[in-house]
């Protein structure tokens, strides 16, 4: 019986120690100022520099992709314009005069689109997005002029 009492006393003591020793502790509340004390100005500068580098790299990739796309489109457009020139060789006087006016307008739009393409190509990765709008607009004008000229002939 004494053995049972000792076992019970040991079990009760263990339970008491566990209960007292395992007091539930709530985490202390943190405030914005507590969190910010762990962040230094060096951290901010490092993260800002990394963000800037990533942004610049993304912008450069987008610029390069636009330049490649516009150059490929320009090659196709040049071939289409050349085919249109060949078609216009055999036109009669009145039709030929109209054709020459359309081709002159088309050539001007092509020169403008090519100049805009070069401007995009030569721009910095930070400034190219402003130039991009002009290049796309010039390309749309060239495409429209080509459609006008080719639909008539």
Protein backbone atom coordinates (compact mmCIF):
# COMPACT_ATOMS: atom_id res chain seq x y z
CA UNK A 1 0.00 0.00 0.00
CA UNK A 2 2.86 2.27 0.81
CA UNK A 3 4.12 1.65 -2.65
CA UNK A 4 0.84 2.85 -4.13
CA UNK A 5 0.94 5.95 -1.95
CA UNK A 6 4.51 6.76 -3.05
CA UNK A 7 3.58 6.25 -6.70
CA UNK A 8 0.50 8.41 -6.25
CA UNK A 9 2.52 11.13 -4.47
CA UNK A 10 5.14 11.06 -7.22
CA UNK A 11 2.45 11.26 -9.89
CA UNK A 12 0.68 14.12 -8.07
CA UNK A 13 3.97 16.02 -7.67
CA UNK A 14 4.79 15.54 -11.31
CA UNK A 15 1.33 16.81 -12.27
CA UNK A 16 1.68 19.81 -9.98
CA UNK A 17 5.11 20.69 -11.33
CA UNK A 18 3.86 20.28 -14.89
CA UNK A 19 0.86 22.48 -14.21
CA UNK A 20 2.85 25.19 -12.48
CA UNK A 21 5.83 24.95 -14.82
CA UNK A 22 3.67 25.10 -17.97
CA UNK A 23 2.02 28.35 -17.22
CA UNK A 24 0.63 29.71 -20.46
CA UNK A 25 2.55 32.76 -21.58
CA UNK A 26 1.01 35.04 -24.17
CA UNK A 27 3.37 36.64 -26.64
CA UNK A 28 4.00 40.26 -25.94
CA UNK A 29 2.28 42.51 -28.43
CA UNK A 30 4.51 44.06 -31.03
CA UNK A 31 4.00 47.46 -32.50
CA UNK A 32 5.12 48.92 -35.78
CA UNK A 33 7.98 50.63 -34.03
CA UNK A 34 9.13 47.33 -32.50
CA UNK A 35 9.33 45.75 -35.96
CA UNK A 36 11.01 48.72 -37.57
CA UNK A 37 13.88 48.70 -35.11
CA UNK A 38 15.12 45.56 -36.85
CA UNK A 39 15.28 47.25 -40.26
CA UNK A 40 18.20 49.52 -40.95
CA UNK A 41 18.76 52.19 -43.55
CA UNK A 42 21.30 49.87 -45.14
CA UNK A 43 18.51 47.31 -45.55
CA UNK A 44 16.33 49.90 -47.24
CA UNK A 45 19.14 51.04 -49.54
CA UNK A 46 20.01 47.46 -50.47
CA UNK A 47 16.39 46.57 -51.22
CA UNK A 48 15.84 49.78 -53.18
CA UNK A 49 18.97 49.15 -55.25
CA UNK A 50 17.90 45.58 -55.94
CA UNK A 51 14.44 46.75 -56.93
CA UNK A 52 15.91 49.37 -59.24
CA UNK A 53 18.22 46.82 -60.87
CA UNK A 54 15.32 44.42 -61.41
CA UNK A 55 13.14 47.18 -62.84
CA UNK A 56 15.91 48.33 -65.18
CA UNK A 57 16.57 44.77 -66.38
CA UNK A 58 12.86 44.22 -67.04
CA UNK A 59 12.61 47.51 -68.92
CA UNK A 60 15.67 46.63 -71.02
CA UNK A 61 14.18 43.24 -71.92
CA UNK A 62 10.87 44.83 -72.91
CA UNK A 63 12.69 47.42 -75.03
CA UNK A 64 14.82 44.76 -76.75
CA UNK A 65 11.72 42.66 -77.46
CA UNK A 66 9.92 45.66 -78.99
CA UNK A 67 12.94 46.54 -81.16
CA UNK A 68 13.22 42.94 -82.42
CA UNK A 69 9.50 42.80 -83.19
CA UNK A 70 9.46 46.13 -85.00
CA UNK A 71 12.60 45.26 -86.99
CA UNK A 72 11.04 41.98 -88.11
CA UNK A 73 7.84 43.78 -89.09
CA UNK A 74 9.85 46.41 -90.96
CA UNK A 75 11.61 43.72 -93.00
CA UNK A 76 8.22 42.27 -93.97
CA UNK A 77 6.82 45.71 -94.72
CA UNK A 78 9.80 46.54 -96.96
CA UNK A 79 9.18 43.35 -98.93
CA UNK A 80 5.48 44.17 -99.23
CA UNK A 81 6.25 47.72 -100.39
CA UNK A 82 8.66 46.39 -102.99
CA UNK A 83 5.98 44.02 -104.32
CA UNK A 84 3.57 46.95 -104.49
CA UNK A 85 6.15 48.96 -106.44
CA UNK A 86 6.42 46.15 -108.99
CA UNK A 87 2.65 46.08 -109.41
CA UNK A 88 2.57 49.83 -110.06
CA UNK A 89 5.09 49.77 -112.90
CA UNK A 90 2.51 48.84 -115.51
CA UNK A 91 -0.18 51.35 -114.57
CA UNK A 92 -1.55 53.86 -117.09
CA UNK A 93 -1.06 57.64 -116.79
CA UNK A 94 -3.91 58.67 -114.45
CA UNK A 95 -3.66 55.57 -112.30
CA UNK A 96 0.11 55.91 -112.30
CA UNK A 97 -0.08 59.50 -111.02
CA UNK A 98 -2.38 58.44 -108.20
CA UNK A 99 -0.11 55.49 -107.45
CA UNK A 100 2.96 57.75 -107.27
CA UNK A 101 1.21 60.02 -104.74
CA UNK A 102 0.26 57.02 -102.60
CA UNK A 103 3.77 55.57 -102.84
CA UNK A 104 5.35 58.90 -101.87
CA UNK A 105 3.10 59.06 -98.80
CA UNK A 106 3.95 55.45 -98.00
CA UNK A 107 7.68 56.17 -98.32
CA UNK A 108 7.37 59.13 -95.94
CA UNK A 109 5.52 57.04 -93.37
CA UNK A 110 8.12 54.30 -93.74
CA UNK A 111 10.96 56.78 -93.12
CA UNK A 112 9.17 58.11 -90.04
CA UNK A 113 8.52 54.61 -88.69
CA UNK A 114 12.16 53.66 -89.29
CA UNK A 115 13.37 56.83 -87.52
CA UNK A 116 11.14 56.02 -84.53
CA UNK A 117 12.47 52.47 -84.49
CA UNK A 118 16.02 53.80 -84.39
CA UNK A 119 15.07 56.19 -81.57
CA UNK A 120 13.71 53.29 -79.52
CA UNK A 121 16.78 51.24 -80.31
CA UNK A 122 19.14 54.01 -79.18
CA UNK A 123 17.17 55.03 -76.07
CA UNK A 124 18.12 54.03 -72.56
CA UNK A 125 16.11 51.37 -70.81
CA UNK A 126 14.69 54.04 -68.49
CA UNK A 127 13.54 56.43 -71.24
CA UNK A 128 12.41 54.11 -73.99
CA UNK A 129 8.80 53.78 -72.82
CA UNK A 130 8.15 57.41 -73.76
CA UNK A 131 9.59 56.80 -77.22
CA UNK A 132 7.70 53.51 -77.55
CA UNK A 133 4.36 55.26 -77.97
CA UNK A 134 5.66 57.30 -80.89
CA UNK A 135 7.16 54.23 -82.53
CA UNK A 136 3.94 52.26 -82.26
CA UNK A 137 1.96 55.20 -83.59
CA UNK A 138 4.33 55.59 -86.56
CA UNK A 139 4.06 51.87 -87.25
CA UNK A 140 0.26 52.04 -87.22
CA UNK A 141 0.38 54.99 -89.65
CA UNK A 142 2.70 53.06 -91.95
CA UNK A 143 0.49 49.97 -91.85
CA UNK A 144 -2.59 52.05 -92.60
CA UNK A 145 -0.83 53.80 -95.51
CA UNK A 146 0.25 50.45 -96.92
CA UNK A 147 -3.31 49.10 -96.65
CA UNK A 148 -4.62 52.21 -98.43
CA UNK A 149 -2.06 51.91 -101.22
CA UNK A 150 -2.38 48.18 -101.70
CA UNK A 151 -6.19 48.16 -101.65
CA UNK A 152 -6.27 50.58 -104.55
CA UNK A 153 -3.87 48.62 -106.71
